Structures are given as C-alpha cells and as structure tokens.
C-alpha atoms as a PDB file:
ATOM      1  CA  UNK A   1       0.000   0.000   0.000  1.00  0.00           C
ATOM      2  CA  UNK A   2       2.505   2.562  -1.181  1.00  0.00           C
ATOM      3  CA  UNK A   3      -0.260   4.993  -2.120  1.00  0.00           C
ATOM      4  CA  UNK A   4      -1.020   5.706   1.523  1.00  0.00           C
ATOM      5  CA  UNK A   5       0.850   8.400   3.421  1.00  0.00           C
ATOM      6  CA  UNK A   6       1.584   6.275   6.493  1.00  0.00           C
ATOM      7  CA  UNK A   7       3.960   8.801   8.089  1.00  0.00           C
ATOM      8  CA  UNK A   8       1.244  11.440   8.306  1.00  0.00           C
ATOM      9  CA  UNK A   9      -1.413   8.987   9.453  1.00  0.00           C
ATOM     10  CA  UNK A  10       0.838   7.829  12.298  1.00  0.00           C
ATOM     11  CA  UNK A  11       1.073  11.446  13.491  1.00  0.00           C
ATOM     12  CA  UNK A  12      -2.712  11.898  13.568  1.00  0.00           C
ATOM     13  CA  UNK A  13      -4.338  11.078  16.936  1.00  0.00           C
ATOM     14  CA  UNK A  14      -7.714  10.601  15.230  1.00  0.00           C
ATOM     15  CA  UNK A  15      -6.239   7.717  13.222  1.00  0.00           C
ATOM     16  CA  UNK A  16      -5.095   6.026  16.436  1.00  0.00           C
ATOM     17  CA  UNK A  17      -8.521   6.508  18.042  1.00  0.00           C
ATOM     18  CA  UNK A  18     -10.108   4.880  14.976  1.00  0.00           C
ATOM     19  CA  UNK A  19      -7.673   1.964  15.170  1.00  0.00           C
ATOM     20  CA  UNK A  20      -8.360   1.450  18.880  1.00  0.00           C
ATOM     21  CA  UNK A  21     -12.124   1.476  18.325  1.00  0.00           C
ATOM     22  CA  UNK A  22     -11.743  -0.825  15.308  1.00  0.00           C
ATOM     23  CA  UNK A  23      -9.977  -3.414  17.451  1.00  0.00           C
ATOM     24  CA  UNK A  24     -11.810  -3.070  20.765  1.00  0.00           C
ATOM     25  CA  UNK A  25     -15.417  -2.791  19.560  1.00  0.00           C
ATOM     26  CA  UNK A  26     -15.646  -6.092  17.634  1.00  0.00           C
ATOM     27  CA  UNK A  27     -13.928  -7.913  20.500  1.00  0.00           C
ATOM     28  CA  UNK A  28     -16.322  -6.585  23.136  1.00  0.00           C
ATOM     29  CA  UNK A  29     -19.375  -7.266  20.970  1.00  0.00           C
ATOM     30  CA  UNK A  30     -18.171 -10.661  19.757  1.00  0.00           C
ATOM     31  CA  UNK A  31     -17.485 -11.895  23.270  1.00  0.00           C
ATOM     32  CA  UNK A  32     -20.547 -10.234  24.798  1.00  0.00           C
ATOM     33  CA  UNK A  33     -18.397  -8.160  27.130  1.00  0.00           C
ATOM     34  CA  UNK A  34     -18.720  -4.640  28.486  1.00  0.00           C
ATOM     35  CA  UNK A  35     -16.107  -2.146  29.632  1.00  0.00           C
ATOM     36  CA  UNK A  36     -16.837  -3.137  33.223  1.00  0.00           C
ATOM     37  CA  UNK A  37     -15.641  -6.672  32.443  1.00  0.00           C
ATOM     38  CA  UNK A  38     -12.136  -5.407  31.629  1.00  0.00           C
ATOM     39  CA  UNK A  39     -11.115  -4.370  35.138  1.00  0.00           C
ATOM     40  CA  UNK A  40      -8.028  -6.565  35.512  1.00  0.00           C
ATOM     41  CA  UNK A  41      -5.068  -7.388  33.280  1.00  0.00           C
ATOM     42  CA  UNK A  42      -5.837 -11.124  33.358  1.00  0.00           C
ATOM     43  CA  UNK A  43      -9.401 -10.419  32.176  1.00  0.00           C
ATOM     44  CA  UNK A  44      -8.079  -8.268  29.337  1.00  0.00           C
ATOM     45  CA  UNK A  45      -5.513 -10.875  28.228  1.00  0.00           C
ATOM     46  CA  UNK A  46      -8.130 -13.633  28.366  1.00  0.00           C
ATOM     47  CA  UNK A  47     -10.498 -11.572  26.209  1.00  0.00           C
ATOM     48  CA  UNK A  48      -7.716 -10.973  23.677  1.00  0.00           C
ATOM     49  CA  UNK A  49      -6.847 -14.685  23.664  1.00  0.00           C
ATOM     50  CA  UNK A  50     -10.482 -15.647  23.080  1.00  0.00           C
ATOM     51  CA  UNK A  51     -10.791 -13.037  20.330  1.00  0.00           C
ATOM     52  CA  UNK A  52      -7.741 -14.327  18.445  1.00  0.00           C
ATOM     53  CA  UNK A  53      -9.138 -17.863  18.602  1.00  0.00           C
ATOM     54  CA  UNK A  54     -12.506 -16.764  17.187  1.00  0.00           C
ATOM     55  CA  UNK A  55     -12.436 -16.440  13.368  1.00  0.00           C
ATOM     56  CA  UNK A  56     -15.561 -14.274  13.269  1.00  0.00           C
ATOM     57  CA  UNK A  57     -13.987 -11.720  15.598  1.00  0.00           C
ATOM     58  CA  UNK A  58     -10.700 -11.799  13.670  1.00  0.00           C
ATOM     59  CA  UNK A  59     -12.545 -11.073  10.406  1.00  0.00           C
ATOM     60  CA  UNK A  60     -14.605  -8.327  12.070  1.00  0.00           C
ATOM     61  CA  UNK A  61     -11.445  -6.660  13.418  1.00  0.00           C
ATOM     62  CA  UNK A  62      -9.771  -6.929   9.999  1.00  0.00           C
ATOM     63  CA  UNK A  63     -12.781  -5.324   8.289  1.00  0.00           C
ATOM     64  CA  UNK A  64     -12.887  -2.557  10.888  1.00  0.00           C
ATOM     65  CA  UNK A  65      -9.176  -1.859  10.439  1.00  0.00           C
ATOM     66  CA  UNK A  66      -9.650  -1.808   6.671  1.00  0.00           C
ATOM     67  CA  UNK A  67     -12.213   0.968   7.060  1.00  0.00           C
ATOM     68  CA  UNK A  68      -9.693   2.985   9.118  1.00  0.00           C
ATOM     69  CA  UNK A  69      -7.116   2.796   6.345  1.00  0.00           C
ATOM     70  CA  UNK A  70      -9.195   3.510   3.257  1.00  0.00           C
ATOM     71  CA  UNK A  71      -9.984   7.094   2.292  1.00  0.00           C
ATOM     72  CA  UNK A  72     -13.594   7.299   1.095  1.00  0.00           C
ATOM     73  CA  UNK A  73     -12.965  10.670  -0.567  1.00  0.00           C
ATOM     74  CA  UNK A  74     -10.635   9.211  -3.216  1.00  0.00           C
ATOM     75  CA  UNK A  75     -11.137   6.573  -5.889  1.00  0.00           C
ATOM     76  CA  UNK A  76      -9.417   3.287  -5.145  1.00  0.00           C
ATOM     77  CA  UNK A  77      -7.558   2.412  -1.992  1.00  0.00           C
ATOM     78  CA  UNK A  78      -4.821   5.040  -1.763  1.00  0.00           C
ATOM     79  CA  UNK A  79      -4.602   8.641  -0.676  1.00  0.00           C
ATOM     80  CA  UNK A  80      -5.005  11.522  -3.112  1.00  0.00           C
ATOM     81  CA  UNK A  81      -1.916  13.057  -4.705  1.00  0.00           C
ATOM     82  CA  UNK A  82      -2.415  16.067  -2.440  1.00  0.00           C
ATOM     83  CA  UNK A  83      -2.520  13.902   0.707  1.00  0.00           C
ATOM     84  CA  UNK A  84       0.560  11.975  -0.401  1.00  0.00           C
ATOM     85  CA  UNK A  85       2.486  15.272  -0.369  1.00  0.00           C
ATOM     86  CA  UNK A  86       1.659  16.118   3.257  1.00  0.00           C
ATOM     87  CA  UNK A  87       4.332  15.933   5.953  1.00  0.00           C
ATOM     88  CA  UNK A  88       1.890  16.689   8.796  1.00  0.00           C
ATOM     89  CA  UNK A  89      -1.858  16.069   9.126  1.00  0.00           C
ATOM     90  CA  UNK A  90      -3.736  18.870   7.370  1.00  0.00           C
ATOM     91  CA  UNK A  91      -5.436  21.338   9.677  1.00  0.00           C
ATOM     92  CA  UNK A  92      -8.883  22.739   8.921  1.00  0.00           C
ATOM     93  CA  UNK A  93      -8.874  25.878   6.829  1.00  0.00           C
ATOM     94  CA  UNK A  94      -5.391  25.338   5.342  1.00  0.00           C
END
C-alpha cells in the first residue's frame, strides 16, 4: 500500500482513536463483554486470547481496520496526490 501516506497517518491522533475502536469494539461485541468486564489485566488478556481464537472476531477486526485505512474521498484504496504530499496532518482551513 505505497499509495497511503503512512507517516502522516501515524502522526494523527484521530487515526489512532479509529484503530483502537476498530480493534476493541468487535472484540467486546463478539465476546458479549462490556467495559466493566475489563477491570483486571488477566481479564483483558483472556479476552484478547479468546478473540484471536474466534475467526468471526478476527474477520470483524480486519474489516474494521480496513475501514480505518481507506480514504472514502478518493477513488481506489490510496490517498489523493495532495494527501501523499503532506508531511503533517492537514489542519482545517489550510
């Protein structure tokens, strides 16, 4: 995926929030858990272990991550030529 400006995405906190939600949400839903169930490290590690062993959850996480990476404002899978030229995330109004 060379047509994606990974350096700029890695600097954008919104991207990381999307990635976290894309991983956590399918796991919680797939295992029928709630935030309150993740109160200890052993509970968290057990949930992650169960999620990795469940193919439906793995596919759901992969699809969610895919939606974080693709840019719906451009044709195809990559970033626009303008976005590929960025060195920092673009701020509104610039």
